[in-house]
């Protein structure tokens, strides 16, 4: 891992690269469809994070994860200082975020293959893939060491099991309807489950965030 990062840091023109199980992956150029959906996810996760102190969301962050160095499109985690399972290693994240998101177009073989296996082993508790071509969202929840794909409710909303109140209106997402997406999320944020979650995070708060090594 150290050699990989040294080589990467020595290549200033290289913006995205991942080391997964000993293999280096460099993604294709980002398409407009990928970038558009990317912004939708950022809007959604960013809005949740702003309403949920003790959580952190970010994009394209390099992670030290087991013996690999993935770079998920987006992640949402509970900070270590508030009882989360991941920390920092120098300027990078370390461990496994509670939730990771990948926008899949040209990267499908990686996202559904070695990356899915890595996230599962490392303990990423929820893994969302957004397929641009098939217009499908797969929201996987870690259960007894394996991922189980959950289904939207009768109202068309997917709900996180790890982050109470993180609700996604699937139809609104594909329609790029930010107002309807925000309405569904705000309903989740107004729920008693989210309020209790915020209270748990506040109660779990410890000293300033430490490194997980």
Protein backbone atom coordinates (compact mmCIF):
# COMPACT_ATOMS: atom_id res chain seq x y z
CA UNK A 1 0.00 0.00 0.00
CA UNK A 2 2.79 2.44 0.87
CA UNK A 3 4.52 1.87 -2.48
CA UNK A 4 1.23 2.40 -4.31
CA UNK A 5 0.66 5.74 -2.59
CA UNK A 6 4.26 6.84 -3.15
CA UNK A 7 3.97 6.14 -6.86
CA UNK A 8 0.57 7.86 -7.02
CA UNK A 9 1.74 10.93 -5.11
CA UNK A 10 4.69 11.06 -7.50
CA UNK A 11 2.30 11.28 -10.48
CA UNK A 12 0.62 14.71 -10.13
CA UNK A 13 -1.40 14.29 -13.34
CA UNK A 14 -3.10 11.13 -12.05
CA UNK A 15 -6.28 12.04 -10.15
CA UNK A 16 -8.00 8.68 -9.60
CA UNK A 17 -6.52 5.28 -8.91
CA UNK A 18 -7.38 2.35 -6.66
CA UNK A 19 -5.44 -0.62 -5.32
CA UNK A 20 -7.76 -3.57 -4.72
CA UNK A 21 -6.35 -6.94 -3.71
CA UNK A 22 -2.98 -6.19 -5.29
CA UNK A 23 -4.36 -4.87 -8.61
CA UNK A 24 -4.29 -1.20 -9.61
CA UNK A 25 -7.41 0.14 -11.31
CA UNK A 26 -7.51 3.46 -13.17
CA UNK A 27 -11.04 4.50 -14.19
CA UNK A 28 -12.20 5.69 -17.59
CA UNK A 29 -13.01 9.38 -18.15
CA UNK A 30 -16.21 10.44 -16.38
CA UNK A 31 -19.29 10.74 -18.60
CA UNK A 32 -21.96 13.41 -18.30
CA UNK A 33 -24.50 10.82 -17.11
CA UNK A 34 -22.10 9.70 -14.37
CA UNK A 35 -21.39 13.26 -13.27
CA UNK A 36 -25.09 14.21 -13.18
CA UNK A 37 -26.02 11.27 -10.95
CA UNK A 38 -22.94 11.97 -8.87
CA UNK A 39 -24.28 15.43 -8.03
CA UNK A 40 -27.63 13.93 -7.03
CA UNK A 41 -25.98 11.64 -4.52
CA UNK A 42 -23.80 14.45 -3.15
CA UNK A 43 -26.90 16.62 -2.66
CA UNK A 44 -28.69 13.78 -0.85
CA UNK A 45 -25.85 12.66 1.43
CA UNK A 46 -24.70 16.22 2.07
CA UNK A 47 -28.17 17.26 3.21
CA UNK A 48 -28.33 14.31 5.60
CA UNK A 49 -24.90 15.01 7.01
CA UNK A 50 -25.78 18.67 7.68
CA UNK A 51 -28.75 17.56 9.77
CA UNK A 52 -26.86 14.80 11.60
CA UNK A 53 -23.99 15.99 13.75
CA UNK A 54 -21.42 13.26 14.36
CA UNK A 55 -21.54 12.03 10.76
CA UNK A 56 -19.23 12.86 7.88
CA UNK A 57 -19.81 12.65 4.13
CA UNK A 58 -17.28 13.16 1.35
CA UNK A 59 -16.45 12.24 -2.24
CA UNK A 60 -13.44 10.62 -3.91
CA UNK A 61 -11.55 10.08 -0.68
CA UNK A 62 -8.70 7.56 -0.59
CA UNK A 63 -9.09 4.87 2.07
CA UNK A 64 -6.69 2.46 3.74
CA UNK A 65 -8.95 -0.59 3.87
CA UNK A 66 -7.44 -3.96 4.86
CA UNK A 67 -4.60 -4.45 2.33
CA UNK A 68 -6.27 -2.30 -0.32
CA UNK A 69 -6.61 1.39 -1.14
CA UNK A 70 -10.06 2.03 -2.69
CA UNK A 71 -11.48 5.43 -3.59
CA UNK A 72 -15.28 5.25 -3.28
CA UNK A 73 -17.28 7.82 -5.21
CA UNK A 74 -19.00 8.91 -2.00
CA UNK A 75 -19.16 7.75 1.59
CA UNK A 76 -21.09 8.48 4.76
CA UNK A 77 -19.62 7.53 8.11
CA UNK A 78 -20.11 7.99 11.81
CA UNK A 79 -17.09 9.79 13.17
CA UNK A 80 -14.82 7.79 15.44
CA UNK A 81 -15.36 10.44 18.09
CA UNK A 82 -19.08 9.58 18.05
CA UNK A 83 -18.78 5.80 18.10
CA UNK A 84 -18.01 5.12 14.43
CA UNK A 85 -15.96 2.23 13.10
CA UNK A 86 -13.42 4.12 10.96
CA UNK A 87 -10.74 6.71 11.57
CA UNK A 88 -7.90 8.49 9.82
CA UNK A 89 -4.39 7.55 8.81
CA UNK A 90 -2.46 10.70 8.12
CA UNK A 91 -4.36 12.69 5.46
CA UNK A 92 -6.37 9.63 4.39
CA UNK A 93 -9.33 7.72 5.83
CA UNK A 94 -8.75 4.33 7.41
CA UNK A 95 -10.96 1.32 8.08
CA UNK A 96 -14.43 1.02 6.57
CA UNK A 97 -17.14 3.68 6.37
CA UNK A 98 -20.61 2.65 7.43
CA UNK A 99 -21.91 3.46 3.92
CA UNK A 100 -20.22 3.65 0.50
CA UNK A 101 -21.72 4.66 -2.85
CA UNK A 102 -20.44 3.91 -6.35
CA UNK A 103 -21.81 5.31 -9.61
CA UNK A 104 -21.46 2.46 -12.09
CA UNK A 105 -21.12 2.79 -15.84
CA UNK A 106 -17.77 1.69 -17.23
CA UNK A 107 -16.69 0.44 -13.77
CA UNK A 108 -19.44 -2.16 -13.31
CA UNK A 109 -17.11 -5.19 -13.38
CA UNK A 110 -14.97 -3.68 -10.63
CA UNK A 111 -17.81 -2.28 -8.52
CA UNK A 112 -19.76 -5.56 -8.61
CA UNK A 113 -16.69 -7.78 -8.36
CA UNK A 114 -13.47 -7.06 -6.44
CA UNK A 115 -14.70 -3.84 -4.88
CA UNK A 116 -17.94 -5.41 -3.61
CA UNK A 117 -15.93 -8.31 -2.15
CA UNK A 118 -13.51 -5.89 -0.47
CA UNK A 119 -16.26 -3.76 1.06
CA UNK A 120 -17.96 -6.90 2.32
CA UNK A 121 -14.78 -8.26 3.96
CA UNK A 122 -13.84 -4.89 5.42
CA UNK A 123 -17.25 -4.37 7.02
CA UNK A 124 -18.80 -1.55 4.97
CA UNK A 125 -22.26 -1.94 6.45
CA UNK A 126 -24.24 -0.52 3.52
CA UNK A 127 -23.07 -0.47 -0.09
CA UNK A 128 -25.08 1.37 -2.74
CA UNK A 129 -24.46 1.03 -6.45
CA UNK A 130 -26.15 3.35 -8.95
CA UNK A 131 -26.17 1.89 -12.47
CA UNK A 132 -26.38 4.59 -15.12
CA UNK A 133 -27.24 2.28 -18.04
CA UNK A 134 -29.76 0.01 -16.32
CA UNK A 135 -31.14 2.87 -14.20
CA UNK A 136 -31.05 0.65 -11.14
CA UNK A 137 -30.10 1.32 -7.54
CA UNK A 138 -28.92 -1.64 -5.47
CA UNK A 139 -28.79 -0.89 -1.74
CA UNK A 140 -26.96 -3.71 0.01
CA UNK A 141 -26.94 -4.22 3.77
CA UNK A 142 -24.30 -6.34 5.48
CA UNK A 143 -25.94 -9.30 7.22
CA UNK A 144 -23.90 -12.10 8.84
CA UNK A 145 -20.87 -11.26 6.71
CA UNK A 146 -22.72 -11.07 3.38
CA UNK A 147 -24.66 -8.40 1.52
CA UNK A 148 -28.44 -8.59 1.24
CA UNK A 149 -30.13 -6.23 -1.25
CA UNK A 150 -33.08 -4.42 0.28
CA UNK A 151 -36.17 -3.31 -1.61
CA UNK A 152 -37.93 0.04 -1.65
CA UNK A 153 -41.16 0.35 0.31
CA UNK A 154 -44.59 0.54 -1.30
CA UNK A 155 -44.08 4.32 -1.42
CA UNK A 156 -40.99 3.91 -3.62
CA UNK A 157 -38.60 5.02 -0.88
CA UNK A 158 -35.40 3.24 0.14
CA UNK A 159 -34.51 3.61 3.82
CA UNK A 160 -31.14 3.10 5.46
CA UNK A 161 -30.90 0.61 8.28
CA UNK A 162 -27.66 2.11 9.60
CA UNK A 163 -28.47 5.82 9.28
CA UNK A 164 -32.03 6.41 10.53
CA UNK A 165 -33.80 9.04 8.47
CA UNK A 166 -31.65 8.56 5.38
CA UNK A 167 -34.52 8.08 2.92
CA UNK A 168 -34.25 8.10 -0.86
CA UNK A 169 -37.17 8.62 -3.25
CA UNK A 170 -35.97 6.43 -6.12
CA UNK A 171 -38.26 7.87 -8.82
CA UNK A 172 -37.34 11.43 -7.84
CA UNK A 173 -33.66 10.55 -7.99
CA UNK A 174 -33.89 9.24 -11.56
CA UNK A 175 -36.03 12.22 -12.56
CA UNK A 176 -33.41 14.58 -11.12
CA UNK A 177 -36.19 16.12 -9.04
CA UNK A 178 -34.30 17.68 -6.16
CA UNK A 179 -37.43 19.07 -4.51
CA UNK A 180 -39.06 15.65 -4.23
CA UNK A 181 -35.79 14.05 -3.10
CA UNK A 182 -35.47 16.66 -0.39
CA UNK A 183 -39.11 16.21 0.67
CA UNK A 184 -38.55 12.48 1.21
CA UNK A 185 -35.30 13.10 3.06
CA UNK A 186 -36.86 15.78 5.24
CA UNK A 187 -39.60 13.35 6.19
CA UNK A 188 -36.92 10.94 7.30
CA UNK A 189 -35.07 13.64 9.20
CA UNK A 190 -38.30 14.55 11.00
CA UNK A 191 -38.84 10.96 12.15
CA UNK A 192 -38.45 9.86 15.76
CA UNK A 193 -35.84 7.32 14.63
CA UNK A 194 -33.58 10.08 13.34
CA UNK A 195 -34.05 12.15 16.47
CA UNK A 196 -33.06 9.18 18.64
CA UNK A 197 -30.06 8.54 16.39
CA UNK A 198 -28.83 12.12 16.79
CA UNK A 199 -29.23 11.78 20.55
CA UNK A 200 -27.23 8.52 20.55
CA UNK A 201 -24.44 10.15 18.56
CA UNK A 202 -24.30 13.06 20.99
CA UNK A 203 -24.25 10.72 23.98
CA UNK A 204 -21.44 8.64 22.42
CA UNK A 205 -19.21 11.63 21.79
CA UNK A 206 -15.73 11.17 23.21
CA UNK A 207 -12.47 13.07 23.05
CA UNK A 208 -11.36 14.63 19.72
CA UNK A 209 -11.14 12.08 16.90
CA UNK A 210 -8.20 9.73 17.11
CA UNK A 211 -6.47 7.73 14.40
CA UNK A 212 -7.41 4.09 13.95
CA UNK A 213 -3.90 3.40 12.65
